[in-house]
N, C-alpha and C. Protein backbone atom coordinates (compact mmCIF):
# COMPACT_ATOMS: atom_id res chain seq x y z
N UNK A 1 211.47 61.31 108.08
CA UNK A 1 211.01 62.24 107.07
C UNK A 1 212.04 63.36 106.97
N UNK A 2 212.55 63.65 105.79
CA UNK A 2 213.52 64.72 105.63
C UNK A 2 212.95 66.06 106.08
N UNK A 3 213.83 66.94 106.55
CA UNK A 3 213.39 68.23 107.06
C UNK A 3 212.56 69.00 106.04
N UNK A 4 212.98 69.02 104.79
CA UNK A 4 212.23 69.74 103.76
C UNK A 4 210.83 69.17 103.61
N UNK A 5 210.72 67.84 103.59
CA UNK A 5 209.41 67.20 103.47
C UNK A 5 208.56 67.50 104.70
N UNK A 6 209.19 67.48 105.89
CA UNK A 6 208.46 67.78 107.12
C UNK A 6 207.92 69.20 107.06
N UNK A 7 208.74 70.13 106.64
CA UNK A 7 208.31 71.54 106.56
C UNK A 7 207.17 71.67 105.55
N UNK A 8 207.30 71.04 104.38
CA UNK A 8 206.24 71.08 103.37
C UNK A 8 204.94 70.50 103.92
N UNK A 9 205.05 69.37 104.64
CA UNK A 9 203.87 68.73 105.18
C UNK A 9 203.22 69.60 106.25
N UNK A 10 204.01 70.17 107.15
CA UNK A 10 203.46 71.05 108.19
C UNK A 10 202.80 72.27 107.56
N UNK A 11 203.42 72.83 106.55
CA UNK A 11 202.82 73.96 105.84
C UNK A 11 201.49 73.55 105.21
N UNK A 12 201.47 72.34 104.63
CA UNK A 12 200.24 71.87 103.99
C UNK A 12 199.16 71.61 105.03
N UNK A 13 199.51 71.00 106.16
CA UNK A 13 198.54 70.78 107.23
C UNK A 13 197.94 72.10 107.69
N UNK A 14 198.77 73.10 107.87
CA UNK A 14 198.29 74.42 108.29
C UNK A 14 197.33 74.99 107.27
N UNK A 15 197.66 74.89 106.00
CA UNK A 15 196.77 75.39 104.95
C UNK A 15 195.45 74.65 104.93
N UNK A 16 195.49 73.33 105.13
CA UNK A 16 194.27 72.52 105.14
C UNK A 16 193.36 72.97 106.28
N UNK A 17 193.94 73.18 107.45
CA UNK A 17 193.16 73.62 108.60
C UNK A 17 192.56 75.00 108.35
N UNK A 18 193.35 75.91 107.81
CA UNK A 18 192.85 77.25 107.52
C UNK A 18 191.75 77.24 106.46
N UNK A 19 191.85 76.30 105.51
CA UNK A 19 190.85 76.22 104.45
C UNK A 19 189.52 75.63 104.92
N UNK A 20 189.50 75.04 106.11
CA UNK A 20 188.24 74.50 106.62
C UNK A 20 187.16 75.57 106.70
N UNK A 21 187.56 76.80 107.00
CA UNK A 21 186.58 77.88 107.08
C UNK A 21 185.88 78.13 105.76
N UNK A 22 186.52 77.76 104.66
CA UNK A 22 185.93 77.97 103.34
C UNK A 22 184.83 76.96 103.03
N UNK A 23 184.89 75.76 103.64
CA UNK A 23 183.91 74.74 103.27
C UNK A 23 183.03 74.25 104.41
N UNK A 24 183.43 74.40 105.66
CA UNK A 24 182.69 73.77 106.76
C UNK A 24 181.27 74.30 106.92
N UNK A 25 181.03 75.53 106.52
CA UNK A 25 179.68 76.09 106.66
C UNK A 25 178.73 75.58 105.57
N UNK A 26 179.28 74.87 104.61
CA UNK A 26 178.44 74.26 103.56
C UNK A 26 178.15 72.79 103.87
N UNK A 27 178.64 72.29 104.98
CA UNK A 27 178.48 70.87 105.29
C UNK A 27 177.08 70.57 105.83
N UNK A 28 176.67 69.33 105.67
CA UNK A 28 175.38 68.90 106.20
C UNK A 28 175.35 68.93 107.72
N UNK A 29 176.49 68.83 108.36
CA UNK A 29 176.52 68.80 109.82
C UNK A 29 176.71 70.17 110.44
N UNK A 30 176.85 71.21 109.64
CA UNK A 30 177.10 72.54 110.18
C UNK A 30 175.99 73.00 111.10
N UNK A 31 174.77 72.66 110.80
CA UNK A 31 173.65 73.12 111.62
C UNK A 31 173.13 72.04 112.56
N UNK A 32 173.81 70.90 112.60
CA UNK A 32 173.38 69.79 113.43
C UNK A 32 174.00 69.86 114.82
N UNK A 33 173.37 69.20 115.74
CA UNK A 33 173.96 68.99 117.05
C UNK A 33 175.02 67.92 116.86
N UNK A 34 176.26 68.22 117.14
CA UNK A 34 177.37 67.37 116.72
C UNK A 34 177.79 66.29 117.70
N UNK A 35 177.17 66.20 118.86
CA UNK A 35 177.61 65.21 119.86
C UNK A 35 177.64 63.80 119.30
N UNK A 36 176.62 63.43 118.52
CA UNK A 36 176.56 62.06 118.02
C UNK A 36 177.66 61.76 117.01
N UNK A 37 178.25 62.78 116.40
CA UNK A 37 179.36 62.56 115.49
C UNK A 37 180.64 62.17 116.24
N UNK A 38 180.63 62.40 117.54
CA UNK A 38 181.79 62.07 118.39
C UNK A 38 181.43 61.05 119.46
N UNK A 39 180.39 60.27 119.23
CA UNK A 39 179.98 59.24 120.17
C UNK A 39 181.09 58.20 120.31
N UNK A 40 181.19 57.59 121.45
CA UNK A 40 182.22 56.56 121.65
C UNK A 40 181.82 55.23 121.03
N UNK A 41 180.57 55.08 120.69
CA UNK A 41 180.07 53.84 120.11
C UNK A 41 180.20 53.90 118.58
N UNK A 42 180.98 52.99 118.02
CA UNK A 42 181.23 52.95 116.58
C UNK A 42 179.93 52.87 115.78
N UNK A 43 178.98 52.06 116.21
CA UNK A 43 177.74 51.88 115.45
C UNK A 43 176.92 53.17 115.39
N UNK A 44 176.94 53.96 116.46
CA UNK A 44 176.24 55.24 116.47
C UNK A 44 176.88 56.19 115.46
N UNK A 45 178.20 56.23 115.44
CA UNK A 45 178.90 57.11 114.50
C UNK A 45 178.64 56.68 113.06
N UNK A 46 178.58 55.38 112.80
CA UNK A 46 178.32 54.91 111.43
C UNK A 46 176.93 55.33 110.96
N UNK A 47 175.94 55.24 111.84
CA UNK A 47 174.59 55.68 111.47
C UNK A 47 174.57 57.17 111.14
N UNK A 48 175.29 57.95 111.92
CA UNK A 48 175.39 59.38 111.66
C UNK A 48 176.03 59.64 110.30
N UNK A 49 177.09 58.90 110.03
CA UNK A 49 177.80 59.08 108.78
C UNK A 49 176.90 58.81 107.59
N UNK A 50 176.12 57.75 107.69
CA UNK A 50 175.22 57.40 106.59
C UNK A 50 174.17 58.50 106.41
N UNK A 51 173.62 58.98 107.50
CA UNK A 51 172.53 59.95 107.38
C UNK A 51 173.01 61.34 106.98
N UNK A 52 174.18 61.75 107.43
CA UNK A 52 174.64 63.12 107.17
C UNK A 52 175.65 63.25 106.03
N UNK A 53 176.54 62.31 105.93
CA UNK A 53 177.70 62.48 105.06
C UNK A 53 177.51 61.99 103.63
N UNK A 54 176.61 61.06 103.45
CA UNK A 54 176.49 60.43 102.14
C UNK A 54 176.28 61.45 101.01
N UNK A 55 175.40 62.41 101.23
CA UNK A 55 175.13 63.40 100.17
C UNK A 55 175.64 64.79 100.53
N UNK A 56 176.60 64.85 101.42
CA UNK A 56 177.15 66.15 101.83
C UNK A 56 177.96 66.76 100.69
N UNK A 57 177.75 68.04 100.40
CA UNK A 57 178.46 68.68 99.29
C UNK A 57 179.97 68.85 99.53
N UNK A 58 180.41 68.76 100.77
CA UNK A 58 181.83 68.94 101.06
C UNK A 58 182.46 67.68 101.67
N UNK A 59 181.85 66.54 101.40
CA UNK A 59 182.32 65.27 101.97
C UNK A 59 183.78 65.02 101.64
N UNK A 60 184.18 65.22 100.40
CA UNK A 60 185.55 64.96 99.98
C UNK A 60 186.55 65.85 100.73
N UNK A 61 186.25 67.15 100.83
CA UNK A 61 187.15 68.07 101.54
C UNK A 61 187.25 67.70 103.01
N UNK A 62 186.13 67.27 103.59
CA UNK A 62 186.10 66.90 105.00
C UNK A 62 186.97 65.67 105.27
N UNK A 63 186.81 64.64 104.47
CA UNK A 63 187.60 63.42 104.67
C UNK A 63 189.07 63.68 104.38
N UNK A 64 189.35 64.44 103.34
CA UNK A 64 190.74 64.81 103.03
C UNK A 64 191.38 65.52 104.22
N UNK A 65 190.65 66.46 104.80
CA UNK A 65 191.16 67.20 105.95
C UNK A 65 191.47 66.26 107.11
N UNK A 66 190.54 65.34 107.39
CA UNK A 66 190.74 64.40 108.50
C UNK A 66 191.96 63.51 108.26
N UNK A 67 192.17 63.10 107.01
CA UNK A 67 193.33 62.25 106.69
C UNK A 67 194.62 63.06 106.84
N UNK A 68 194.65 64.25 106.30
CA UNK A 68 195.88 65.05 106.31
C UNK A 68 196.25 65.50 107.73
N UNK A 69 195.27 65.88 108.53
CA UNK A 69 195.60 66.34 109.89
C UNK A 69 195.60 65.18 110.88
N UNK A 70 195.31 63.98 110.39
CA UNK A 70 195.31 62.77 111.22
C UNK A 70 194.35 62.91 112.40
N UNK A 71 193.12 63.28 112.09
CA UNK A 71 192.08 63.47 113.11
C UNK A 71 191.72 62.13 113.74
N UNK A 72 191.80 62.06 115.06
CA UNK A 72 191.58 60.80 115.78
C UNK A 72 190.13 60.60 116.21
N UNK A 73 189.34 61.63 116.24
CA UNK A 73 188.01 61.54 116.85
C UNK A 73 186.90 61.88 115.87
N UNK A 74 185.75 61.28 116.07
CA UNK A 74 184.53 61.65 115.38
C UNK A 74 184.44 61.21 113.94
N UNK A 75 183.25 61.43 113.39
CA UNK A 75 182.98 61.15 111.99
C UNK A 75 183.44 62.35 111.17
N UNK A 76 184.25 62.08 110.18
CA UNK A 76 184.71 63.10 109.24
C UNK A 76 184.58 62.52 107.84
N UNK A 77 183.90 63.21 106.97
CA UNK A 77 183.80 62.78 105.58
C UNK A 77 183.12 61.44 105.41
N UNK A 78 182.32 61.03 106.38
CA UNK A 78 181.58 59.79 106.27
C UNK A 78 182.25 58.58 106.89
N UNK A 79 183.44 58.76 107.46
CA UNK A 79 184.15 57.63 108.05
C UNK A 79 184.41 57.85 109.54
N UNK A 80 184.33 56.76 110.27
CA UNK A 80 184.64 56.78 111.69
C UNK A 80 186.15 56.75 111.88
N UNK A 81 186.64 57.00 113.08
CA UNK A 81 188.09 56.94 113.29
C UNK A 81 188.70 55.59 112.89
N UNK A 82 188.04 54.51 113.23
CA UNK A 82 188.55 53.18 112.87
C UNK A 82 188.63 53.02 111.35
N UNK A 83 187.59 53.48 110.66
CA UNK A 83 187.59 53.38 109.19
C UNK A 83 188.69 54.26 108.59
N UNK A 84 188.91 55.44 109.17
CA UNK A 84 189.97 56.32 108.64
C UNK A 84 191.34 55.70 108.85
N UNK A 85 191.57 55.06 109.99
CA UNK A 85 192.86 54.40 110.21
C UNK A 85 193.09 53.32 109.16
N UNK A 86 192.05 52.57 108.87
CA UNK A 86 192.16 51.53 107.83
C UNK A 86 192.40 52.17 106.46
N UNK A 87 191.69 53.26 106.18
CA UNK A 87 191.88 53.97 104.92
C UNK A 87 193.32 54.44 104.77
N UNK A 88 193.86 55.06 105.81
CA UNK A 88 195.23 55.58 105.74
C UNK A 88 196.23 54.45 105.53
N UNK A 89 196.05 53.36 106.24
CA UNK A 89 196.94 52.20 106.08
C UNK A 89 196.91 51.71 104.63
N UNK A 90 195.71 51.57 104.08
CA UNK A 90 195.60 51.08 102.70
C UNK A 90 196.02 52.13 101.68
N UNK A 91 195.79 53.42 101.98
CA UNK A 91 196.27 54.48 101.08
C UNK A 91 197.79 54.44 100.98
N UNK A 92 198.45 54.19 102.10
CA UNK A 92 199.92 54.11 102.07
C UNK A 92 200.38 52.99 101.16
N UNK A 93 199.70 51.85 101.22
CA UNK A 93 200.05 50.73 100.34
C UNK A 93 199.81 51.09 98.88
N UNK A 94 198.66 51.68 98.60
CA UNK A 94 198.34 52.08 97.22
C UNK A 94 199.29 53.15 96.72
N UNK A 95 199.65 54.07 97.59
CA UNK A 95 200.59 55.12 97.19
C UNK A 95 201.93 54.50 96.79
N UNK A 96 202.41 53.54 97.59
CA UNK A 96 203.68 52.87 97.25
C UNK A 96 203.58 52.19 95.88
N UNK A 97 202.43 51.55 95.62
CA UNK A 97 202.24 50.90 94.32
C UNK A 97 202.26 51.91 93.18
N UNK A 98 201.91 53.16 93.48
CA UNK A 98 201.90 54.23 92.48
C UNK A 98 203.17 55.07 92.52
N UNK A 99 204.19 54.58 93.23
CA UNK A 99 205.47 55.28 93.26
C UNK A 99 205.48 56.51 94.16
N UNK A 100 204.52 56.61 95.07
CA UNK A 100 204.46 57.73 96.00
C UNK A 100 204.85 57.25 97.39
N UNK A 101 205.39 58.16 98.17
CA UNK A 101 205.85 57.81 99.51
C UNK A 101 205.21 58.76 100.51
N UNK A 102 204.49 58.21 101.48
CA UNK A 102 203.84 59.04 102.49
C UNK A 102 204.85 59.80 103.35
N UNK A 103 206.10 59.39 103.34
CA UNK A 103 207.12 60.09 104.11
C UNK A 103 207.76 61.24 103.34
N UNK A 104 207.36 61.43 102.10
CA UNK A 104 207.89 62.53 101.30
C UNK A 104 206.70 63.33 100.75
N UNK A 105 206.30 64.34 101.48
CA UNK A 105 205.11 65.10 101.12
C UNK A 105 205.37 65.94 99.87
N UNK A 106 204.47 65.84 98.91
CA UNK A 106 204.55 66.68 97.72
C UNK A 106 203.16 66.80 97.11
N UNK A 107 203.05 67.58 96.08
CA UNK A 107 201.77 67.84 95.43
C UNK A 107 201.15 66.58 94.85
N UNK A 108 201.97 65.69 94.31
CA UNK A 108 201.44 64.43 93.76
C UNK A 108 200.77 63.60 94.84
N UNK A 109 201.39 63.52 96.01
CA UNK A 109 200.80 62.77 97.11
C UNK A 109 199.51 63.44 97.58
N UNK A 110 199.53 64.74 97.70
CA UNK A 110 198.33 65.49 98.09
C UNK A 110 197.18 65.22 97.11
N UNK A 111 197.46 65.29 95.83
CA UNK A 111 196.43 65.02 94.81
C UNK A 111 195.95 63.58 94.87
N UNK A 112 196.86 62.64 95.12
CA UNK A 112 196.50 61.23 95.24
C UNK A 112 195.53 61.03 96.40
N UNK A 113 195.84 61.63 97.55
CA UNK A 113 194.97 61.50 98.71
C UNK A 113 193.61 62.15 98.42
N UNK A 114 193.62 63.35 97.87
CA UNK A 114 192.35 64.04 97.59
C UNK A 114 191.48 63.22 96.64
N UNK A 115 192.09 62.67 95.61
CA UNK A 115 191.35 61.87 94.63
C UNK A 115 190.72 60.64 95.27
N UNK A 116 191.37 60.09 96.28
CA UNK A 116 190.91 58.85 96.89
C UNK A 116 190.16 59.04 98.20
N UNK A 117 189.76 60.25 98.52
CA UNK A 117 189.02 60.46 99.75
C UNK A 117 187.56 60.83 99.50
N UNK A 118 187.04 60.52 98.32
CA UNK A 118 185.59 60.60 98.19
C UNK A 118 185.04 59.33 98.81
N UNK A 119 183.83 59.37 99.32
CA UNK A 119 183.32 58.29 100.16
C UNK A 119 183.29 56.94 99.46
N UNK A 120 182.86 56.91 98.21
CA UNK A 120 182.78 55.63 97.50
C UNK A 120 184.17 55.02 97.32
N UNK A 121 185.10 55.80 96.86
CA UNK A 121 186.46 55.31 96.66
C UNK A 121 187.10 54.91 97.98
N UNK A 122 186.89 55.72 99.02
CA UNK A 122 187.46 55.43 100.33
C UNK A 122 186.96 54.10 100.86
N UNK A 123 185.69 53.83 100.71
CA UNK A 123 185.13 52.55 101.19
C UNK A 123 185.72 51.39 100.40
N UNK A 124 185.91 51.58 99.10
CA UNK A 124 186.56 50.55 98.29
C UNK A 124 188.00 50.31 98.78
N UNK A 125 188.70 51.38 99.11
CA UNK A 125 190.08 51.27 99.56
C UNK A 125 190.15 50.58 100.92
N UNK A 126 189.20 50.85 101.79
CA UNK A 126 189.17 50.19 103.10
C UNK A 126 189.06 48.68 102.91
N UNK A 127 188.34 48.27 101.89
CA UNK A 127 188.14 46.84 101.62
C UNK A 127 189.33 46.22 100.86
N UNK A 128 190.29 47.02 100.48
CA UNK A 128 191.44 46.62 99.66
C UNK A 128 192.24 45.54 100.34
C-alpha cells in the first residue's frame, strides 16, 4: 500500500473510531449485557445478531466500522467474525469488478463499503 494511501486509511480508521461515540448510544445493544455478543460459539453469536441487530437503527454504521477497523471479535452490525471475514473477502472481489482497489484507500472505496454494509446487502455479498 503506498504511503499516501496508508496515511489516508489510518486517518479514516481513526475518524471511524472517533465517530462511534456519535452512534453507539443509539444501538439496540447499548443497554444490553454484551457478553453474548462476544461468545466463542458461532451459533450463540448468530442468535444474538438476529435478535438485536436486524432492526437496529445504527446497524449499517456498526458493520461499516467493524469492516474498516478490521474487528476480529464479536457481533458487529449483525455479522459474526466469520461472516465479516467472508464479507470482506467478497467485497474485495466486488470492488475489483467496480474498478476499486482495497489497497488504495479513497472516498470512492469508503462509499462502496458503506453502501454494501447494510445487513441485507452484506448477507447477499457473503453468498456471492
